[in-house]
């Protein structure tokens, strides 16, 4: 009896050490069961815990079971002996499992020994509430007293309950730390503050919420929206708020690189892979290892590159051009497009399977006309920024501000920033009036969004077109004339006709100013 007592104390000491050093719950549970088996001659053993999401009992720790047998150990909360122990909160002993109809042997691990095995199970409780079941197998003899085994298993189950509770507390603490870390990153992220401090409209609040949800995950993100809305900035924010922030953020503009070079740019090449390949070169995918690869204008990919990208997304492996060596990298993909990819799929221009691979977590970045309430704050934001660069602070008059709020902004935030910078250079006084805004600026607005004009005649339209061409070409008359299909003499006539001589002379004297709207 004393030897049994000493052995049990030794087992409890070993189990306590396992718990004190536990870093992974499943590994710790397996170590506990291995200790039981090695020191007390208990055969197969399992720890089954209730899964809150599925509402099932699932084997989380086992000893003496193969992975396949362990995977089969899933029970309803009221199913078999395991379910009975869980529901009743009471121990259960099966002296001979071959004679117990409740014993289901779902794991199929005892079929060769059914006539020799006893089965013992006790509930694992936490604050008097069952959270799982501890079971062990014993090889039985003619006269076996199970009370001592049950008493000891209750002690072990209590320790397991504390381990599960401790693990849950650690997970909750980790989640709180993750949220606090994300919150801190939000405050420190210059990109985030630049993007959202002036984005209080409902569409931007939705983007804000989606970024917070997806940033900490590994999910592929597809950014949708018009040009100039801030998709590149959104991608960088997602990267900065992720666990990959300390690694590279690599951007590839799929529309800016010729098709024959894009494959090499993405996947890299070996020496001699093609004419001009004088050395081996890693691709952007390799450079983004452990970080983020941002594929802008993804809708412009050729069918051949689409196929190669699909394979990489499926298998996370690739070969450089001219190489047979397969390489693997850990890269998060963020893609962006201003195209309707569903329409491109329907037209056969974009692979459907690639679309589904990219469209795991779509985020629509709204245009400025979809969040007009943000326009005044955005304008002030850019005025503040440029006041630090140019040493002067401008203000919009109510008339000018109203016109800009009603403007459709086809170039979105990029167009706005360029306009404000141009005004910061051009306007002499501190106030920006409607007359200071280039006349052509509102030509593309929808009729109900146009600012008030003094005249709607063809002559006024022609004058605005001449002004627009001159400003686009830094007030160089020959270039503006070429764009409008006029001779230099005809351009000079129109400048005189519209009374623009002094304006052209003044602007040319300043060296010309680019519109910056592209």
Protein backbone atom coordinates (compact mmCIF):
# COMPACT_ATOMS: atom_id res chain seq x y z
CA UNK A 1 0.00 0.00 0.00
CA UNK A 2 2.82 2.35 0.93
CA UNK A 3 4.56 1.60 -2.39
CA UNK A 4 1.36 2.43 -4.30
CA UNK A 5 1.03 5.69 -2.33
CA UNK A 6 4.63 6.68 -3.08
CA UNK A 7 4.14 5.84 -6.74
CA UNK A 8 1.03 8.03 -6.95
CA UNK A 9 2.84 10.92 -5.27
CA UNK A 10 5.65 10.54 -7.80
CA UNK A 11 3.14 10.59 -10.67
CA UNK A 12 1.43 13.71 -9.30
CA UNK A 13 4.81 15.39 -8.92
CA UNK A 14 5.67 14.64 -12.57
CA UNK A 15 2.26 15.85 -13.74
CA UNK A 16 2.67 19.07 -11.73
CA UNK A 17 6.01 19.68 -13.44
CA UNK A 18 4.40 19.14 -16.85
CA UNK A 19 1.70 21.67 -15.98
CA UNK A 20 4.17 24.23 -14.64
CA UNK A 21 6.20 24.08 -17.86
CA UNK A 22 3.29 23.77 -20.28
CA UNK A 23 3.51 25.99 -23.36
CA UNK A 24 1.09 24.06 -25.53
CA UNK A 25 -2.12 22.56 -24.12
CA UNK A 26 -2.32 19.53 -26.43
CA UNK A 27 1.33 18.61 -25.88
CA UNK A 28 0.95 18.98 -22.12
CA UNK A 29 -2.15 16.72 -22.10
CA UNK A 30 -0.29 14.06 -24.09
CA UNK A 31 2.65 14.24 -21.62
CA UNK A 32 0.29 13.79 -18.66
CA UNK A 33 -1.24 10.68 -20.20
CA UNK A 34 2.19 9.28 -21.07
CA UNK A 35 3.18 9.71 -17.42
CA UNK A 36 0.08 7.78 -16.29
CA UNK A 37 0.82 4.96 -18.69
CA UNK A 38 4.51 4.64 -17.90
CA UNK A 39 4.22 4.68 -14.10
CA UNK A 40 0.84 3.09 -13.32
CA UNK A 41 0.60 0.52 -16.12
CA UNK A 42 -2.48 2.16 -17.57
CA UNK A 43 -2.99 1.37 -21.24
CA UNK A 44 -4.62 3.71 -23.73
CA UNK A 45 -5.73 6.98 -22.21
CA UNK A 46 -7.61 9.99 -23.55
CA UNK A 47 -8.55 13.48 -22.47
CA UNK A 48 -11.73 14.57 -24.21
CA UNK A 49 -12.79 18.23 -23.94
CA UNK A 50 -16.00 19.99 -24.88
CA UNK A 51 -15.62 22.18 -27.96
CA UNK A 52 -17.76 25.31 -27.60
CA UNK A 53 -18.03 26.01 -31.31
CA UNK A 54 -19.11 22.54 -32.47
CA UNK A 55 -20.82 21.54 -29.19
CA UNK A 56 -19.08 18.16 -29.39
CA UNK A 57 -16.65 16.22 -27.21
CA UNK A 58 -13.30 16.00 -28.99
CA UNK A 59 -10.16 14.07 -27.99
CA UNK A 60 -7.50 16.73 -27.29
CA UNK A 61 -4.89 14.49 -25.68
CA UNK A 62 -4.18 10.78 -26.09
CA UNK A 63 -1.64 8.05 -25.38
CA UNK A 64 -1.54 4.74 -27.19
CA UNK A 65 -3.72 5.97 -30.09
CA UNK A 66 -2.60 6.60 -33.65
CA UNK A 67 -3.45 10.00 -35.19
CA UNK A 68 -6.23 8.35 -37.20
CA UNK A 69 -7.71 6.71 -34.09
CA UNK A 70 -7.53 10.01 -32.23
CA UNK A 71 -9.32 11.85 -35.05
CA UNK A 72 -12.19 9.35 -34.85
CA UNK A 73 -12.74 10.18 -31.18
CA UNK A 74 -15.55 12.72 -31.55
CA UNK A 75 -18.76 12.36 -29.51
CA UNK A 76 -22.02 14.16 -29.00
CA UNK A 77 -22.40 15.47 -25.46
CA UNK A 78 -24.73 12.57 -24.60
CA UNK A 79 -23.14 9.83 -26.69
CA UNK A 80 -21.73 6.58 -25.28
CA UNK A 81 -19.87 6.15 -22.00
CA UNK A 82 -17.91 9.37 -22.57
CA UNK A 83 -21.12 11.34 -23.04
CA UNK A 84 -22.68 9.75 -19.99
CA UNK A 85 -19.72 10.69 -17.77
CA UNK A 86 -19.79 14.25 -19.13
CA UNK A 87 -23.53 14.70 -18.68
CA UNK A 88 -23.76 13.13 -15.22
CA UNK A 89 -20.51 14.47 -13.82
CA UNK A 90 -19.97 11.03 -12.26
CA UNK A 91 -17.24 8.39 -12.80
CA UNK A 92 -17.99 5.28 -14.79
CA UNK A 93 -16.28 1.88 -14.74
CA UNK A 94 -16.65 -0.79 -17.45
CA UNK A 95 -15.09 -3.97 -16.00
CA UNK A 96 -15.20 -5.67 -19.42
CA UNK A 97 -15.77 -3.46 -22.47
CA UNK A 98 -16.86 -6.50 -24.52
CA UNK A 99 -19.98 -6.72 -22.32
CA UNK A 100 -20.95 -3.02 -22.17
CA UNK A 101 -23.37 -1.83 -24.92
CA UNK A 102 -22.67 1.82 -24.07
CA UNK A 103 -19.02 1.36 -24.92
CA UNK A 104 -18.76 2.43 -28.57
CA UNK A 105 -15.00 2.15 -29.20
CA UNK A 106 -15.25 4.91 -31.78
CA UNK A 107 -11.49 5.10 -32.10
CA UNK A 108 -11.39 1.40 -33.22
CA UNK A 109 -8.22 0.95 -31.13
CA UNK A 110 -9.31 -2.03 -28.99
CA UNK A 111 -10.77 -4.51 -31.45
CA UNK A 112 -8.07 -7.14 -30.84
CA UNK A 113 -8.25 -7.07 -27.06
CA UNK A 114 -11.91 -6.59 -26.25
CA UNK A 115 -12.05 -9.54 -23.91
CA UNK A 116 -9.22 -8.30 -21.66
CA UNK A 117 -9.85 -4.59 -21.11
CA UNK A 118 -11.47 -2.57 -18.35
CA UNK A 119 -12.39 1.05 -19.01
CA UNK A 120 -12.36 3.78 -16.37
CA UNK A 121 -13.53 7.35 -16.83
CA UNK A 122 -13.95 10.42 -14.62
CA UNK A 123 -15.28 13.89 -15.42
CA UNK A 124 -12.93 16.86 -15.72
CA UNK A 125 -14.64 19.74 -13.96
CA UNK A 126 -13.99 23.41 -13.48
CA UNK A 127 -15.97 25.30 -10.84
CA UNK A 128 -18.21 22.22 -10.50
CA UNK A 129 -19.07 22.34 -14.21
CA UNK A 130 -17.97 19.40 -16.45
CA UNK A 131 -15.62 20.52 -19.24
CA UNK A 132 -14.36 17.12 -20.38
CA UNK A 133 -13.63 13.47 -19.58
CA UNK A 134 -10.46 11.58 -18.58
CA UNK A 135 -10.45 7.90 -19.53
CA UNK A 136 -7.92 5.06 -19.23
CA UNK A 137 -7.79 1.38 -20.13
CA UNK A 138 -6.68 -1.32 -17.67
CA UNK A 139 -5.93 -4.95 -18.39
CA UNK A 140 -8.33 -6.64 -15.96
CA UNK A 141 -7.88 -9.71 -13.79
CA UNK A 142 -10.45 -11.88 -12.03
CA UNK A 143 -10.63 -9.72 -8.92
CA UNK A 144 -9.97 -6.03 -9.47
CA UNK A 145 -10.92 -3.19 -7.12
CA UNK A 146 -11.28 0.04 -9.11
CA UNK A 147 -12.02 2.49 -6.25
CA UNK A 148 -8.36 3.43 -5.78
CA UNK A 149 -7.92 3.99 -9.49
CA UNK A 150 -11.02 6.21 -9.62
CA UNK A 151 -9.87 8.22 -6.57
CA UNK A 152 -6.48 8.84 -8.15
CA UNK A 153 -7.95 9.70 -11.56
CA UNK A 154 -10.19 12.30 -9.87
CA UNK A 155 -7.05 13.99 -8.51
CA UNK A 156 -5.41 13.94 -11.94
CA UNK A 157 -8.63 15.25 -13.57
CA UNK A 158 -8.67 18.16 -11.12
CA UNK A 159 -5.13 19.08 -12.14
CA UNK A 160 -6.11 18.82 -15.82
CA UNK A 161 -9.08 21.13 -15.17
CA UNK A 162 -6.73 23.72 -13.71
CA UNK A 163 -4.41 23.35 -16.71
CA UNK A 164 -7.30 23.90 -19.14
CA UNK A 165 -8.43 26.92 -17.11
CA UNK A 166 -4.92 28.35 -17.08
CA UNK A 167 -4.62 27.82 -20.84
CA UNK A 168 -7.93 29.64 -21.40
CA UNK A 169 -6.74 32.56 -19.26
CA UNK A 170 -3.46 32.74 -21.18
CA UNK A 171 -5.35 32.74 -24.48
CA UNK A 172 -7.66 35.50 -23.26
CA UNK A 173 -4.64 37.49 -22.10
CA UNK A 174 -2.91 36.95 -25.44
CA UNK A 175 -6.03 38.15 -27.24
CA UNK A 176 -6.17 41.26 -25.05
CA UNK A 177 -2.47 41.89 -25.69
CA UNK A 178 -3.05 41.41 -29.41
CA UNK A 179 -5.84 43.98 -29.34
CA UNK A 180 -3.76 46.39 -27.26
CA UNK A 181 -0.84 45.86 -29.63
CA UNK A 182 -3.08 46.52 -32.62
CA UNK A 183 -4.45 49.65 -30.93
CA UNK A 184 -0.91 50.87 -30.28
CA UNK A 185 0.06 50.17 -33.87
CA UNK A 186 -2.96 52.17 -35.00
CA UNK A 187 -1.77 55.15 -32.97
CA UNK A 188 1.82 54.88 -34.16
CA UNK A 189 1.08 54.14 -37.81
CA UNK A 190 1.66 57.33 -39.80
CA UNK A 191 -0.04 55.75 -42.81
CA UNK A 192 -3.08 54.82 -40.74
CA UNK A 193 -3.42 58.28 -39.24
CA UNK A 194 -2.94 59.91 -42.62
CA UNK A 195 -5.68 57.78 -44.10
CA UNK A 196 -8.32 57.67 -41.38
CA UNK A 197 -7.93 60.80 -39.29
CA UNK A 198 -9.86 62.61 -42.01
CA UNK A 199 -12.13 59.71 -42.90
CA UNK A 200 -15.11 59.82 -40.57
CA UNK A 201 -17.85 59.00 -43.08
CA UNK A 202 -19.73 55.72 -42.84
CA UNK A 203 -18.00 54.16 -45.89
CA UNK A 204 -14.59 54.90 -44.36
CA UNK A 205 -15.66 53.59 -40.95
CA UNK A 206 -16.50 50.30 -42.67
CA UNK A 207 -13.06 50.20 -44.32
CA UNK A 208 -11.51 50.96 -40.91
CA UNK A 209 -13.37 48.03 -39.31
CA UNK A 210 -12.46 45.62 -42.11
CA UNK A 211 -8.77 46.53 -41.94
CA UNK A 212 -8.71 45.93 -38.18
CA UNK A 213 -10.28 42.51 -38.68
CA UNK A 214 -8.13 41.26 -41.53
CA UNK A 215 -4.74 42.84 -40.71
CA UNK A 216 -3.72 40.34 -37.96
CA UNK A 217 -4.68 37.33 -40.11
CA UNK A 218 -2.89 35.57 -42.98
CA UNK A 219 -5.85 36.02 -45.37
CA UNK A 220 -5.34 37.20 -48.93
CA UNK A 221 -6.93 40.64 -49.43
CA UNK A 222 -8.39 42.09 -52.63
CA UNK A 223 -8.67 45.89 -52.64
CA UNK A 224 -11.30 47.29 -54.99
CA UNK A 225 -11.94 50.88 -55.98
CA UNK A 226 -11.26 53.64 -58.47
CA UNK A 227 -7.82 55.08 -59.18
CA UNK A 228 -6.60 57.53 -56.59
CA UNK A 229 -8.79 56.30 -53.71
CA UNK A 230 -5.85 55.09 -51.61
CA UNK A 231 -5.62 51.36 -52.31
CA UNK A 232 -1.82 51.36 -52.06
CA UNK A 233 -2.00 53.18 -48.74
CA UNK A 234 -4.64 50.71 -47.52
CA UNK A 235 -2.37 47.78 -48.42
CA UNK A 236 0.54 49.36 -46.54
CA UNK A 237 -1.66 49.91 -43.48
CA UNK A 238 -2.73 46.24 -43.49
CA UNK A 239 0.95 45.28 -43.64
CA UNK A 240 1.94 47.69 -40.84
CA UNK A 241 -0.79 46.36 -38.56
CA UNK A 242 0.10 42.70 -39.18
CA UNK A 243 2.71 40.46 -37.59
CA UNK A 244 4.71 40.86 -40.82
CA UNK A 245 5.35 44.57 -40.23
CA UNK A 246 9.05 44.04 -39.47
CA UNK A 247 9.54 42.35 -42.84
CA UNK A 248 9.35 43.74 -46.38
CA UNK A 249 6.37 45.34 -48.08
CA UNK A 250 7.00 44.79 -51.79
CA UNK A 251 4.85 46.51 -54.41
CA UNK A 252 4.54 45.36 -58.03
CA UNK A 253 2.49 47.39 -60.52
CA UNK A 254 1.28 44.71 -62.90
CA UNK A 255 0.25 47.29 -65.52
CA UNK A 256 3.58 49.14 -65.58
CA UNK A 257 5.84 46.18 -66.44
CA UNK A 258 5.81 44.63 -69.95
CA UNK A 259 4.42 41.12 -70.05
CA UNK A 260 7.71 39.58 -71.20
CA UNK A 261 9.47 41.03 -68.15
CA UNK A 262 6.76 40.60 -65.53
CA UNK A 263 7.31 36.87 -65.02
CA UNK A 264 10.99 37.47 -64.32
CA UNK A 265 10.12 40.42 -62.08
CA UNK A 266 7.78 38.27 -59.99
CA UNK A 267 9.54 34.91 -59.91
CA UNK A 268 13.16 35.83 -60.67
CA UNK A 269 15.53 34.22 -63.17
CA UNK A 270 18.78 32.33 -63.48
CA UNK A 271 21.76 33.36 -65.55
CA UNK A 272 21.16 32.78 -69.25
CA UNK A 273 17.41 32.28 -68.83
CA UNK A 274 16.86 34.83 -71.60
CA UNK A 275 18.80 37.38 -73.61
CA UNK A 276 20.20 39.94 -71.21
CA UNK A 277 20.04 37.68 -68.13
CA UNK A 278 23.73 38.06 -67.29
CA UNK A 279 23.29 36.89 -63.71
CA UNK A 280 20.77 35.24 -61.45
CA UNK A 281 18.21 37.47 -59.83
CA UNK A 282 15.58 36.74 -57.14
CA UNK A 283 12.07 37.90 -57.93
CA UNK A 284 9.82 40.18 -55.94
CA UNK A 285 8.08 37.15 -54.43
CA UNK A 286 11.36 36.00 -52.85
CA UNK A 287 12.11 39.53 -51.68
CA UNK A 288 8.76 39.57 -49.88
CA UNK A 289 9.46 36.35 -47.95
CA UNK A 290 7.83 36.56 -44.47
CA UNK A 291 6.41 39.93 -45.52
CA UNK A 292 3.71 41.21 -47.86
CA UNK A 293 3.56 41.27 -51.66
CA UNK A 294 1.23 43.97 -53.01
CA UNK A 295 0.10 43.31 -56.59
CA UNK A 296 -1.39 46.54 -57.91
CA UNK A 297 -3.54 46.57 -61.08
CA UNK A 298 -3.97 42.79 -60.84
CA UNK A 299 -6.65 42.91 -63.53
CA UNK A 300 -3.98 43.68 -66.16
CA UNK A 301 -2.20 40.30 -65.85
CA UNK A 302 -1.88 38.24 -69.02
CA UNK A 303 -3.37 34.71 -69.09
CA UNK A 304 0.08 33.12 -68.84
CA UNK A 305 1.09 35.08 -65.74
CA UNK A 306 -2.36 34.44 -64.24
CA UNK A 307 -1.75 30.69 -64.49
CA UNK A 308 1.67 30.93 -62.82
CA UNK A 309 0.34 33.18 -60.06
CA UNK A 310 -2.53 30.77 -59.43
CA UNK A 311 -0.12 27.89 -58.95
CA UNK A 312 1.90 29.98 -56.48
CA UNK A 313 -1.21 30.94 -54.50
CA UNK A 314 -2.31 27.30 -54.34
CA UNK A 315 1.01 25.71 -53.41
CA UNK A 316 3.18 28.64 -52.21
CA UNK A 317 6.00 27.38 -54.38
CA UNK A 318 7.55 28.41 -57.70
CA UNK A 319 10.63 28.12 -59.92
CA UNK A 320 12.77 30.94 -61.22
CA UNK A 321 12.94 31.34 -64.97
CA UNK A 322 15.61 28.98 -66.28
CA UNK A 323 15.64 26.85 -63.11
CA UNK A 324 14.11 23.52 -62.13
CA UNK A 325 14.64 24.08 -58.41
CA UNK A 326 11.36 24.52 -56.58
CA UNK A 327 11.38 27.29 -53.97
CA UNK A 328 8.95 27.95 -51.14
CA UNK A 329 8.27 31.26 -49.45
CA UNK A 330 5.94 32.58 -46.77
CA UNK A 331 4.28 35.59 -48.35
CA UNK A 332 1.00 37.35 -47.75
CA UNK A 333 -0.70 38.53 -50.94
CA UNK A 334 -2.63 41.79 -51.17
CA UNK A 335 -3.98 42.60 -54.63
CA UNK A 336 -5.70 45.70 -55.96
CA UNK A 337 -7.67 46.61 -59.06
CA UNK A 338 -9.93 49.34 -60.38
CA UNK A 339 -11.51 46.83 -62.76
CA UNK A 340 -14.69 44.84 -62.24
CA UNK A 341 -13.07 41.40 -62.03
CA UNK A 342 -16.41 39.58 -62.05
CA UNK A 343 -17.11 41.14 -65.43
CA UNK A 344 -13.58 40.28 -66.58
CA UNK A 345 -14.21 36.65 -65.52
CA UNK A 346 -17.48 36.61 -67.48
CA UNK A 347 -15.68 38.00 -70.54
CA UNK A 348 -12.95 35.35 -70.27
CA UNK A 349 -10.24 37.95 -69.58
CA UNK A 350 -9.54 36.80 -66.03
CA UNK A 351 -9.35 33.27 -64.63
CA UNK A 352 -12.26 32.39 -62.40
CA UNK A 353 -10.16 30.14 -60.15
CA UNK A 354 -7.57 32.91 -59.67
CA UNK A 355 -10.33 35.39 -58.87
CA UNK A 356 -11.63 33.15 -56.09
CA UNK A 357 -8.09 32.72 -54.72
CA UNK A 358 -7.64 36.49 -54.58
CA UNK A 359 -11.14 37.37 -53.43
CA UNK A 360 -10.80 35.79 -49.98
CA UNK A 361 -11.35 39.11 -48.18
CA UNK A 362 -12.48 41.91 -50.52
CA UNK A 363 -12.30 45.50 -49.28
CA UNK A 364 -13.97 48.29 -51.27
CA UNK A 365 -12.13 51.60 -50.88
CA UNK A 366 -14.80 54.26 -51.58
CA UNK A 367 -14.42 57.13 -54.04
CA UNK A 368 -14.59 60.74 -52.83
CA UNK A 369 -18.05 61.28 -54.31
CA UNK A 370 -19.24 58.38 -52.12
CA UNK A 371 -18.01 60.17 -48.99
CA UNK A 372 -18.50 63.86 -49.67
CA UNK A 373 -18.75 64.63 -45.96
CA UNK A 374 -15.01 63.86 -45.72
CA UNK A 375 -14.03 66.38 -48.42
CA UNK A 376 -13.75 69.54 -46.22
CA UNK A 377 -11.60 67.70 -43.67
CA UNK A 378 -9.43 66.20 -46.42
CA UNK A 379 -8.88 69.61 -48.01
CA UNK A 380 -7.86 71.06 -44.64
CA UNK A 381 -5.58 68.10 -44.05
CA UNK A 382 -3.70 68.76 -47.28
CA UNK A 383 -3.63 72.52 -46.60
CA UNK A 384 -2.07 71.81 -43.18
CA UNK A 385 0.47 69.49 -44.72
CA UNK A 386 1.47 71.95 -47.43
CA UNK A 387 1.59 74.87 -45.02
CA UNK A 388 4.52 73.13 -43.34
CA UNK A 389 6.24 72.69 -46.70
CA UNK A 390 5.59 76.14 -48.17
CA UNK A 391 5.40 78.19 -44.97
CA UNK A 392 1.95 79.63 -45.67
CA UNK A 393 -1.56 78.54 -44.71
CA UNK A 394 -4.41 78.93 -47.19
CA UNK A 395 -8.16 78.91 -46.57
CA UNK A 396 -11.02 78.17 -48.95
CA UNK A 397 -13.86 80.67 -49.21
CA UNK A 398 -17.34 79.18 -48.63
CA UNK A 399 -18.08 79.51 -52.36
CA UNK A 400 -14.93 77.63 -53.37
CA UNK A 401 -15.41 74.97 -50.70
CA UNK A 402 -19.00 74.38 -51.75
CA UNK A 403 -17.92 73.92 -55.37
CA UNK A 404 -15.20 71.44 -54.38
CA UNK A 405 -17.61 69.44 -52.22
CA UNK A 406 -20.01 69.17 -55.17
CA UNK A 407 -17.23 68.25 -57.61
CA UNK A 408 -17.08 64.56 -58.58
CA UNK A 409 -13.29 64.14 -58.16
CA UNK A 410 -12.68 61.55 -60.90
CA UNK A 411 -9.06 61.32 -59.69
CA UNK A 412 -10.17 61.05 -56.05
CA UNK A 413 -7.69 61.76 -53.23
CA UNK A 414 -4.69 61.87 -55.56
CA UNK A 415 -6.39 64.55 -57.67
CA UNK A 416 -7.29 66.54 -54.56
CA UNK A 417 -3.77 66.51 -53.16
CA UNK A 418 -2.35 67.65 -56.50
CA UNK A 419 -4.88 70.48 -56.73
CA UNK A 420 -4.17 71.76 -53.23
CA UNK A 421 -0.43 71.72 -53.87
CA UNK A 422 -0.87 73.66 -57.08
CA UNK A 423 -3.07 76.22 -55.34
CA UNK A 424 -0.51 76.58 -52.54
CA UNK A 425 2.00 77.66 -55.18
CA UNK A 426 -0.25 79.73 -57.43
CA UNK A 427 -2.57 81.71 -55.14
CA UNK A 428 -1.14 85.01 -53.91
CA UNK A 429 -3.49 85.74 -50.99
CA UNK A 430 -4.35 83.53 -48.03
CA UNK A 431 -7.88 82.88 -49.27
CA UNK A 432 -8.65 80.58 -52.18
CA UNK A 433 -11.75 81.73 -54.04
CA UNK A 434 -13.68 79.96 -56.78
CA UNK A 435 -11.91 82.11 -59.37
CA UNK A 436 -8.53 80.77 -58.20
CA UNK A 437 -9.46 77.21 -59.11
CA UNK A 438 -8.52 76.43 -62.74
CA UNK A 439 -11.66 76.95 -64.88
CA UNK A 440 -11.29 73.64 -66.69
CA UNK A 441 -11.29 71.82 -63.38
CA UNK A 442 -15.05 71.38 -63.35
CA UNK A 443 -15.52 70.51 -66.99
CA UNK A 444 -15.91 66.78 -66.31
CA UNK A 445 -18.35 67.24 -63.43
CA UNK A 446 -21.88 65.96 -63.85
CA UNK A 447 -24.33 68.76 -64.70
CA UNK A 448 -25.91 68.80 -61.25
CA UNK A 449 -22.51 68.99 -59.60
CA UNK A 450 -21.10 71.94 -61.59
CA UNK A 451 -20.21 75.10 -59.70
CA UNK A 452 -21.98 78.29 -60.81
CA UNK A 453 -20.61 79.71 -64.05
CA UNK A 454 -21.20 83.19 -65.44
CA UNK A 455 -21.88 81.87 -68.90
CA UNK A 456 -22.53 78.56 -70.55
CA UNK A 457 -21.75 79.68 -74.11
CA UNK A 458 -19.52 77.79 -76.53
CA UNK A 459 -17.05 80.67 -76.26
CA UNK A 460 -16.69 80.08 -72.51
CA UNK A 461 -16.16 76.36 -73.08
CA UNK A 462 -13.50 77.08 -75.72
CA UNK A 463 -11.75 79.50 -73.37
CA UNK A 464 -11.66 76.90 -70.58
CA UNK A 465 -10.24 74.31 -72.98
CA UNK A 466 -7.46 76.66 -74.05
CA UNK A 467 -6.66 77.43 -70.41
CA UNK A 468 -6.63 73.74 -69.55
CA UNK A 469 -4.24 72.89 -72.39
CA UNK A 470 -1.92 75.76 -71.52
CA UNK A 471 -1.71 74.75 -67.89
CA UNK A 472 -1.18 71.09 -68.72
CA UNK A 473 1.83 72.10 -70.84
CA UNK A 474 3.35 74.60 -68.40
CA UNK A 475 2.00 77.55 -70.42
CA UNK A 476 4.08 76.64 -73.48
CA UNK A 477 1.85 77.72 -76.37
CA UNK A 478 3.32 75.43 -79.02
CA UNK A 479 2.69 72.29 -76.96
CA UNK A 480 -0.82 73.35 -76.00
CA UNK A 481 -1.58 74.15 -79.64
CA UNK A 482 -0.34 70.72 -80.73
CA UNK A 483 -2.67 69.02 -78.21
CA UNK A 484 -5.69 71.04 -79.42
CA UNK A 485 -4.83 70.49 -83.09
CA UNK A 486 -4.13 74.17 -83.70
CA UNK A 487 -1.28 76.01 -85.35
CA UNK A 488 0.83 78.30 -83.20
CA UNK A 489 -0.74 81.30 -84.96
CA UNK A 490 -4.27 80.02 -84.20
CA UNK A 491 -3.32 79.53 -80.55
CA UNK A 492 -1.96 83.08 -80.39
CA UNK A 493 -5.20 84.40 -81.86
CA UNK A 494 -7.28 82.63 -79.20
CA UNK A 495 -5.04 83.87 -76.40
CA UNK A 496 -5.57 87.42 -77.63
CA UNK A 497 -9.28 86.83 -78.26
CA UNK A 498 -9.88 85.65 -74.70
CA UNK A 499 -7.65 88.30 -73.11
CA UNK A 500 -5.14 85.81 -71.76
CA UNK A 501 -1.90 87.57 -72.78
CA UNK A 502 -1.07 88.91 -69.30
CA UNK A 503 -1.94 85.57 -67.64
CA UNK A 504 0.23 83.58 -70.05
CA UNK A 505 3.09 86.04 -69.63
CA UNK A 506 2.82 85.87 -65.83
CA UNK A 507 2.71 82.08 -65.74
CA UNK A 508 5.58 81.71 -68.19
CA UNK A 509 7.53 84.16 -66.06
CA UNK A 510 7.15 81.82 -63.08
CA UNK A 511 8.57 78.96 -65.07
CA UNK A 512 5.29 77.20 -65.70
CA UNK A 513 3.27 75.05 -63.37
CA UNK A 514 2.26 71.47 -63.99
CA UNK A 515 -1.30 70.51 -63.20
CA UNK A 516 -0.18 67.26 -61.59
CA UNK A 517 -3.50 65.59 -62.36
CA UNK A 518 -2.72 62.18 -63.75
